Protein backbone atom coordinates (compact mmCIF):
# COMPACT_ATOMS: atom_id res chain seq x y z
CA MET A 1 -45.66 21.30 -9.30
CA THR A 2 -43.31 22.51 -6.60
CA PRO A 3 -39.67 22.45 -7.75
CA PRO A 4 -37.22 20.40 -5.64
CA ALA A 5 -35.37 22.13 -2.82
CA ASN A 6 -31.94 23.08 -4.17
CA PRO A 7 -29.33 25.77 -3.55
CA PRO A 8 -30.70 29.15 -4.72
CA VAL A 9 -29.68 30.42 -8.18
CA SER A 10 -29.79 33.99 -9.47
CA PRO A 11 -33.10 34.66 -11.29
CA VAL A 12 -32.99 35.62 -14.96
CA THR A 13 -35.06 38.70 -15.70
CA ALA A 14 -34.70 38.61 -19.51
CA TRP A 15 -34.42 35.53 -21.68
CA PRO A 16 -32.06 34.78 -23.21
CA PRO A 17 -29.51 36.79 -21.28
CA THR A 18 -26.86 38.56 -23.34
CA PRO A 19 -23.34 37.09 -22.86
CA GLY A 20 -20.46 39.49 -22.44
CA GLN A 21 -18.90 40.70 -25.69
CA ARG A 22 -15.19 41.06 -26.59
CA SER A 23 -14.23 38.65 -23.80
CA PRO A 24 -11.01 36.57 -23.90
CA VAL A 25 -13.18 33.57 -23.12
CA ALA A 26 -16.14 32.09 -24.96
CA LEU A 27 -19.48 32.76 -23.28
CA PHE A 28 -22.79 31.28 -24.32
CA VAL A 29 -26.17 30.24 -23.00
CA VAL A 30 -27.72 26.78 -23.33
CA THR A 31 -31.45 26.07 -23.03
CA ALA A 32 -33.08 23.38 -20.94
CA ASP A 33 -33.14 21.09 -24.01
CA HIS A 34 -29.37 21.56 -24.43
CA ARG A 35 -29.35 23.98 -27.36
CA VAL A 36 -27.11 27.02 -27.63
CA CYS A 37 -29.33 30.11 -27.87
CA ALA A 38 -26.93 33.05 -27.30
CA VAL A 39 -23.19 33.53 -27.69
CA ASN A 40 -20.59 36.26 -27.36
CA GLU A 41 -18.26 37.36 -30.13
CA THR A 42 -15.45 35.09 -28.92
CA ALA A 43 -17.61 31.97 -29.01
CA GLU A 44 -18.89 32.87 -32.46
CA ALA A 45 -15.34 33.47 -33.72
CA TRP A 46 -14.08 30.18 -32.29
CA PHE A 47 -16.85 27.90 -33.58
CA GLN A 48 -18.57 29.93 -36.35
CA PRO A 49 -22.00 28.30 -35.90
CA PRO A 50 -24.18 28.39 -39.04
CA ARG A 51 -27.20 29.21 -36.91
CA MET A 52 -28.41 29.38 -33.35
CA LEU A 53 -30.24 26.69 -31.36
CA LEU A 54 -27.72 24.05 -32.29
CA PRO A 55 -27.28 21.19 -29.80
CA LEU A 56 -24.37 21.97 -27.49
CA ALA A 57 -22.21 19.09 -28.77
CA THR A 58 -22.83 20.14 -32.40
CA PHE A 59 -22.04 23.77 -31.57
CA LEU A 60 -18.70 22.66 -30.14
CA GLY A 61 -17.88 20.75 -33.33
CA MET A 62 -18.49 17.20 -32.12
CA ALA A 63 -19.75 14.43 -34.39
CA ASP A 64 -22.90 12.48 -33.51
CA HIS A 65 -20.94 9.39 -32.43
CA ASP A 66 -18.45 11.34 -30.25
CA GLU A 67 -18.37 10.01 -26.67
CA ARG A 68 -17.85 13.55 -25.39
CA GLY A 69 -21.44 14.28 -26.42
CA ASP A 70 -22.64 11.72 -23.87
CA GLU A 71 -20.49 13.38 -21.21
CA LEU A 72 -22.00 16.77 -22.01
CA GLN A 73 -25.50 15.26 -21.84
CA ALA A 74 -24.72 13.80 -18.40
CA LEU A 75 -23.37 17.18 -17.24
CA ALA A 76 -26.53 18.97 -18.43
CA ASP A 77 -28.77 16.42 -16.72
CA ASP A 78 -26.84 16.85 -13.49
CA LEU A 79 -27.16 20.63 -13.69
CA LYS A 80 -30.91 20.32 -14.02
CA ALA A 81 -31.23 17.80 -11.19
CA ARG A 82 -28.82 19.28 -8.63
CA ARG A 83 -28.77 22.98 -9.60
CA GLN A 84 -25.08 23.31 -8.75
CA PRO A 85 -22.21 24.68 -10.88
CA ARG A 86 -20.15 22.05 -12.66
CA GLU A 87 -17.00 22.03 -14.73
CA MET A 88 -15.53 19.69 -17.29
CA ARG A 89 -12.17 19.42 -19.05
CA LEU A 90 -12.07 18.36 -22.68
CA THR A 91 -10.18 18.89 -25.92
CA LEU A 92 -11.96 20.91 -28.64
CA ARG A 93 -11.33 22.01 -32.21
CA ARG A 94 -11.99 25.53 -33.47
CA ALA A 95 -13.59 26.22 -36.83
CA ASP A 96 -10.13 26.98 -38.25
CA GLY A 97 -8.95 23.49 -37.30
CA GLN A 98 -6.88 24.48 -34.24
CA VAL A 99 -7.09 21.94 -31.40
CA PHE A 100 -6.91 23.28 -27.84
CA PRO A 101 -7.41 22.08 -24.25
CA ALA A 102 -10.52 23.64 -22.76
CA LEU A 103 -12.24 24.04 -19.43
CA LEU A 104 -16.03 24.25 -19.65
CA MET A 105 -17.55 25.89 -16.54
CA THR A 106 -21.32 25.85 -16.25
CA THR A 107 -23.81 27.62 -13.99
CA PRO A 108 -27.50 26.60 -13.87
CA LEU A 109 -30.17 29.22 -14.67
CA ALA A 110 -33.72 29.43 -13.32
CA ASP A 111 -36.60 31.84 -13.49
CA GLY A 112 -38.06 33.73 -10.55
CA GLU A 113 -40.16 30.72 -9.53
CA GLY A 114 -37.19 28.36 -9.53
CA HIS A 115 -37.95 26.53 -12.78
CA HIS A 116 -34.87 25.33 -14.66
CA LEU A 117 -34.23 27.31 -17.85
CA GLY A 118 -30.85 25.99 -18.85
CA PHE A 119 -27.31 27.07 -18.05
CA GLU A 120 -24.66 29.54 -19.01
CA VAL A 121 -21.18 28.46 -20.04
CA VAL A 122 -17.75 29.97 -19.62
CA LEU A 123 -15.27 28.22 -21.94
CA LEU A 124 -11.56 28.80 -21.34
CA ASP A 125 -8.79 28.02 -23.80
CA LEU A 126 -6.23 26.63 -21.33
CA ALA A 127 -3.43 26.82 -23.89
CA ARG A 128 -3.59 30.64 -23.66
CA TRP A 129 -2.79 30.75 -19.96
CA THR A 130 0.78 30.44 -18.71
CA ASP A 131 -0.27 29.63 -15.14
CA ARG A 132 -2.99 27.07 -15.65
CA GLU A 133 -2.75 25.72 -12.09
CA ALA A 134 -3.43 29.16 -10.59
CA LEU A 135 -6.30 29.70 -13.00
CA VAL A 136 -7.84 26.25 -12.79
CA PRO A 137 -7.00 24.24 -9.65
CA ARG A 138 -6.89 20.52 -10.22
CA THR A 139 -10.01 18.55 -9.47
CA GLN A 140 -9.94 16.05 -6.63
CA ASP A 141 -9.68 13.15 -9.07
CA GLU A 142 -6.80 14.78 -10.96
CA ALA A 143 -4.96 15.52 -7.73
CA MET A 144 -5.43 11.90 -6.66
CA VAL A 145 -4.09 10.61 -9.99
CA LEU A 146 -0.99 12.81 -9.67
CA ARG A 147 -0.50 11.69 -6.09
CA LEU A 148 -0.76 8.03 -7.10
CA GLN A 149 1.71 8.59 -9.92
CA SER A 150 4.15 10.22 -7.50
CA MET A 151 3.74 7.36 -5.02
CA GLU A 152 4.27 4.79 -7.80
CA GLN A 153 7.45 6.57 -8.85
CA SER A 154 8.68 6.61 -5.25
CA LEU A 155 7.83 2.94 -4.88
CA ASN A 156 9.78 2.08 -8.03
CA LEU A 157 12.80 4.02 -6.74
CA LEU A 158 12.54 2.25 -3.39
CA GLN A 159 12.36 -1.11 -5.11
CA GLN A 160 15.50 -0.29 -7.11
CA GLU A 161 17.28 0.70 -3.90
CA MET A 162 16.20 -2.56 -2.26
CA GLU A 163 17.53 -4.51 -5.22
CA GLY A 164 20.87 -2.72 -4.90
CA PHE A 165 20.88 -3.33 -1.16
CA SER A 166 20.13 -7.01 -1.72
CA GLN A 167 22.97 -7.20 -4.24
CA ALA A 168 25.34 -5.70 -1.68
CA LEU A 169 24.20 -8.15 1.00
CA GLY A 170 24.37 -11.12 -1.33
CA HIS A 171 27.84 -10.47 -2.74
CA ASP A 172 29.71 -7.28 -1.89
CA LEU A 173 29.67 -7.53 1.93
CA ARG A 174 30.48 -11.22 2.06
CA ALA A 175 33.83 -10.97 0.25
CA PRO A 176 35.64 -8.73 2.80
CA LEU A 177 34.10 -10.75 5.62
CA ARG A 178 35.53 -13.97 4.15
CA HIS A 179 38.94 -12.28 3.91
CA ALA A 180 38.76 -11.17 7.55
CA THR A 181 37.79 -14.69 8.64
CA SER A 182 40.70 -16.21 6.68
CA TYR A 183 43.27 -13.84 8.18
CA LEU A 184 41.89 -14.45 11.69
CA ARG A 185 42.37 -18.18 11.16
CA LEU A 186 45.98 -17.57 10.10
CA LEU A 187 46.44 -15.32 13.13
CA ARG A 188 45.24 -18.07 15.48
CA GLU A 189 47.52 -20.60 13.83
CA ARG A 190 50.48 -18.24 14.24
CA ALA A 191 49.55 -17.58 17.86
CA GLU A 192 49.38 -21.30 18.50
CA THR A 193 52.86 -21.73 16.96
CA VAL A 194 54.44 -19.12 19.21
CA GLY A 195 52.42 -20.30 22.22
CA ASP A 196 50.62 -17.00 22.87
CA ALA A 197 47.44 -18.04 24.68
CA THR A 198 46.13 -14.48 25.00
CA LEU A 199 46.48 -13.84 21.28
CA GLN A 200 44.75 -17.15 20.59
CA GLU A 201 41.80 -16.09 22.76
CA TYR A 202 41.56 -12.72 21.05
CA GLY A 203 41.61 -14.41 17.66
CA ALA A 204 38.92 -16.90 18.70
CA ASN A 205 36.65 -14.11 19.92
CA ALA A 206 37.18 -12.13 16.72
CA GLN A 207 36.41 -15.21 14.64
CA ARG A 208 33.17 -15.80 16.52
CA ALA A 209 32.22 -12.15 15.94
CA THR A 210 32.85 -12.40 12.19
CA GLN A 211 30.88 -15.64 12.04
CA ARG A 212 27.99 -13.94 13.77
CA MET A 213 28.23 -10.99 11.40
CA GLY A 214 28.08 -13.42 8.48
CA GLN A 215 24.94 -14.96 9.94
CA MET A 216 23.39 -11.50 10.36
CA ILE A 217 24.19 -10.59 6.75
CA GLU A 218 22.58 -13.85 5.63
CA ALA A 219 19.51 -13.10 7.77
CA MET A 220 19.19 -9.57 6.34
CA HIS A 221 19.50 -10.97 2.83
CA ASP A 222 16.69 -13.43 3.57
CA TYR A 223 14.55 -10.63 5.02
CA VAL A 224 15.01 -8.41 1.96
CA HIS A 225 14.22 -11.40 -0.27
CA LEU A 226 11.03 -11.95 1.72
CA CYS A 227 9.98 -8.32 1.23
CA ARG A 228 10.45 -8.61 -2.54
CA ALA A 229 9.31 -12.15 -3.26
CA ARG A 230 6.06 -12.79 -5.09
CA LEU A 231 3.28 -14.36 -3.04
CA SER A 232 1.58 -17.52 -4.28
CA PRO A 233 -1.88 -17.29 -2.71
CA GLN A 234 -3.77 -20.56 -2.40
CA THR A 235 -6.43 -22.14 -0.26
CA VAL A 236 -4.47 -23.40 2.76
CA PRO A 237 -5.86 -25.90 5.31
CA LEU A 238 -3.94 -24.87 8.42
CA GLY A 239 -4.57 -28.09 10.36
CA PRO A 240 -2.19 -30.30 8.32
CA LEU A 241 0.23 -27.39 7.90
CA VAL A 242 0.60 -26.73 11.65
CA HIS A 243 0.93 -30.43 12.51
CA SER A 244 3.63 -30.79 9.85
CA VAL A 245 5.54 -27.86 11.40
CA ARG A 246 5.04 -29.37 14.85
CA ALA A 247 6.55 -32.68 13.73
CA ARG A 248 9.77 -30.89 12.76
CA MET A 249 10.17 -28.98 16.03
CA PRO A 250 13.40 -29.81 17.91
CA ALA A 251 13.20 -31.64 21.21
CA ARG A 252 14.40 -30.08 24.46
CA PRO A 253 18.10 -30.64 25.24
CA ASP A 254 17.16 -32.46 28.46
CA GLY A 255 14.69 -34.69 26.62
CA ALA A 256 11.74 -33.53 28.75
CA PRO A 257 8.41 -33.83 26.90
CA ILE A 258 6.46 -30.78 25.75
CA GLU A 259 2.68 -30.77 26.04
CA TRP A 260 1.34 -29.49 22.72
CA ARG A 261 -2.25 -28.26 22.69
CA ILE A 262 -3.11 -27.71 19.03
CA SER A 263 -6.69 -26.86 18.09
CA GLU A 264 -8.41 -29.71 16.30
CA ALA A 265 -10.37 -27.35 14.05
CA LEU A 266 -7.83 -24.95 12.59
CA PRO A 267 -9.47 -23.09 9.68
CA VAL A 268 -8.82 -22.93 5.96
CA VAL A 269 -7.38 -19.57 4.88
CA GLN A 270 -6.16 -17.84 1.74
CA GLY A 271 -2.41 -17.27 1.64
CA ASP A 272 0.99 -18.47 0.61
CA PRO A 273 1.39 -21.93 2.21
CA MET A 274 5.20 -21.83 2.37
CA LEU A 275 5.25 -18.43 4.06
CA LEU A 276 2.42 -19.25 6.47
CA ALA A 277 4.34 -22.37 7.47
CA GLU A 278 7.32 -20.10 8.20
CA VAL A 279 5.15 -17.95 10.50
CA PHE A 280 4.11 -20.94 12.61
CA ARG A 281 7.65 -22.37 12.54
CA HIS A 282 9.17 -19.17 13.92
CA LEU A 283 6.51 -18.76 16.60
CA MET A 284 6.54 -22.40 17.69
CA ASP A 285 10.35 -22.52 17.66
CA ASN A 286 10.43 -19.48 19.95
CA ALA A 287 7.96 -21.17 22.28
CA VAL A 288 10.11 -24.30 22.45
CA LYS A 289 13.27 -22.27 23.03
CA PHE A 290 11.87 -20.17 25.87
CA THR A 291 10.26 -23.07 27.74
CA ARG A 292 13.48 -25.11 28.01
CA THR A 293 13.86 -24.18 31.70
CA THR A 294 10.19 -24.84 32.49
CA ALA A 295 9.55 -28.07 34.37
CA GLN A 296 6.28 -28.88 32.58
CA PRO A 297 6.26 -26.91 29.31
CA VAL A 298 2.91 -26.32 27.60
CA ILE A 299 2.54 -24.75 24.15
CA ASP A 300 -0.93 -23.87 22.93
CA VAL A 301 -1.83 -23.18 19.27
CA GLY A 302 -5.38 -21.99 18.74
CA TRP A 303 -7.59 -19.54 16.88
CA GLU A 304 -10.89 -17.68 16.85
CA ARG A 305 -13.01 -15.65 14.44
CA THR A 306 -12.79 -11.86 14.52
CA LEU A 307 -15.83 -9.62 14.30
CA ASP A 308 -14.99 -8.61 10.71
CA GLY A 309 -14.74 -12.22 9.49
CA GLY A 310 -10.97 -12.64 9.78
CA HIS A 311 -8.99 -15.18 11.82
CA ARG A 312 -7.02 -14.49 15.00
CA PHE A 313 -4.34 -17.11 15.79
CA ARG A 314 -2.26 -17.53 18.94
CA VAL A 315 0.88 -19.39 19.93
CA GLU A 316 1.11 -19.33 23.72
CA ASP A 317 3.65 -20.83 26.10
CA ASN A 318 4.36 -20.95 29.84
CA GLY A 319 8.06 -20.12 29.49
CA VAL A 320 10.27 -17.32 30.75
CA GLY A 321 8.30 -14.49 29.13
CA PHE A 322 9.77 -11.00 28.91
CA ASP A 323 9.22 -7.43 30.01
CA ARG A 324 6.35 -6.03 27.96
CA MET A 325 7.84 -2.53 28.23
CA HIS A 326 10.20 -3.60 25.44
CA ALA A 327 7.49 -5.14 23.27
CA ASP A 328 7.65 -2.27 20.73
CA LYS A 329 11.04 -3.59 19.54
CA LEU A 330 10.05 -7.24 19.54
CA PHE A 331 9.34 -7.45 15.80
CA LEU A 332 12.43 -5.57 14.63
CA LEU A 333 15.45 -7.33 13.13
CA PHE A 334 18.15 -8.43 15.61
CA GLN A 335 16.16 -7.30 18.67
CA ARG A 336 16.39 -9.82 21.49
CA GLN A 337 14.60 -9.92 24.82
CA HIS A 338 17.13 -12.27 26.40
CA HIS A 339 20.92 -12.38 26.41
CA SER A 340 22.57 -14.41 23.65
CA THR A 341 24.53 -16.44 26.21
CA GLU A 342 21.25 -17.79 27.61
CA TYR A 343 19.32 -18.38 24.40
CA GLU A 344 20.80 -18.83 20.95
CA GLY A 345 19.55 -17.04 17.86
CA LEU A 346 19.92 -13.71 16.11
CA GLY A 347 16.55 -12.15 16.86
CA VAL A 348 15.17 -12.47 13.32
CA GLY A 349 12.38 -15.07 13.66
CA LEU A 350 9.67 -12.74 14.95
CA ALA A 351 10.68 -10.01 12.49
CA MET A 352 10.29 -12.48 9.61
CA ALA A 353 6.95 -13.74 10.92
CA TYR A 354 5.71 -10.17 11.39
CA ARG A 355 6.61 -9.23 7.81
CA ILE A 356 4.93 -12.33 6.38
CA VAL A 357 1.70 -11.58 8.26
CA GLU A 358 1.91 -7.96 7.14
CA ARG A 359 2.25 -9.02 3.51
CA HIS A 360 -0.91 -11.09 3.93
CA GLY A 361 -2.74 -7.93 5.01
CA GLY A 362 -2.70 -8.87 8.70
CA ARG A 363 -1.12 -7.69 11.92
CA MET A 364 0.79 -9.29 14.79
CA PHE A 365 1.06 -8.41 18.47
CA CYS A 366 2.46 -9.96 21.61
CA ASP A 367 1.67 -10.12 25.32
CA ALA A 368 4.04 -11.46 27.96
CA THR A 369 5.03 -11.33 31.61
CA PRO A 370 8.51 -12.07 33.03
CA GLY A 371 8.32 -15.65 34.28
CA GLY A 372 4.67 -15.88 33.18
CA GLY A 373 4.95 -17.04 29.60
CA CYS A 374 4.34 -15.38 26.26
CA ARG A 375 1.43 -15.21 23.86
CA VAL A 376 1.98 -14.09 20.27
CA GLN A 377 -1.16 -13.42 18.25
CA PHE A 378 -1.67 -12.53 14.63
CA VAL A 379 -4.75 -11.72 12.60
CA LEU A 380 -5.30 -12.65 8.96
CA PRO A 381 -8.13 -10.86 7.16
CA ASP A 382 -10.47 -12.81 4.96
CA GLY A 383 -8.57 -13.29 1.70
CA THR A 384 -6.60 -9.99 1.52
CA LEU A 385 -3.07 -10.05 0.10
CA ASP A 386 -0.75 -7.27 -1.00
CA ALA A 387 -0.05 -6.79 -4.71
CA PRO A 388 2.08 -9.58 -6.20
CA ARG A 389 5.70 -8.64 -6.68
CA GLN A 390 8.08 -10.05 -9.23
CA ASP A 391 11.05 -11.61 -7.50
CA SER A 392 14.41 -10.33 -8.74
CA PRO A 393 17.69 -12.24 -8.62
CA ALA A 394 19.87 -11.29 -5.72
């Protein structure tokens, strides 16, 4: 029978080969049926086998029920099948009772015709080496575990920083702002008493600025809370949800009607119903706000399936639009595409909606033209949410 095509191995001219003697590492040879047939002095001194041709697990001092024996069996089978060197880390016990961390490095052996004969083993006592990383580089799995542990530690530190930041927003920054607002009120009252109109105007402007700063602090606190809050994923029928949001939309100041075109077959998705309602509320509120100067405003809410089974939603209007060159800042906190004297708001709605969609494993993007309306789209994958997070008191 022709042996399988595998990477070439060095042929053994004499069987069993003689392992190196007086080596600082244990060297031995294992047959095709997993029995130790030759050892060097170090291996014999470490394990003191009563005889040769012991099963490998028995030679290494393992009991019959030891799970490491199954791992050694799997390693030997893989060596025979793939004919490639393998290594394995494990903890062993010497004959004198000393426990040590070991690295078992194996190389398959074959005769001149390519038939599998067994394998030779180099066994290192890792406790004897001061620079274990230089001697034995970490395996890919070990490196990945360490990387994940480092990332988890960084994430925990970041979460602690966010909690401290939320505490500062919720309490520490509000107190001096309240003091500033109180003194500005007293300043305006004093200016009114002395009849200084200019000082009154300055005080009024400063008061408006502090009020706006208070609103921004409140918005940042809400945003941080959103980033930390635990999701409550459920099955959410979006039809009733969107119509409920639509019913609470404010009317235009001039009383002109808005033509709403809401898809009659909005899908059922997996997500947090309260947060998904916030996404549609922010997007629909923006559409109402930026169509207030349009003679016949139309707001379209629809959806379609994506190729990977997700859902792509859109909220589109025929309002003032904006310059798409600035679209990269659209979903950042306090970034506005229109002057605050024309349209009220702090520029937080789209940032909040973007973060909610992101926490549901989705993405959001926008397309607009000055004077040609705006279309905000977001994609929700099929049932993917980020890891639940325990909400912490602010």
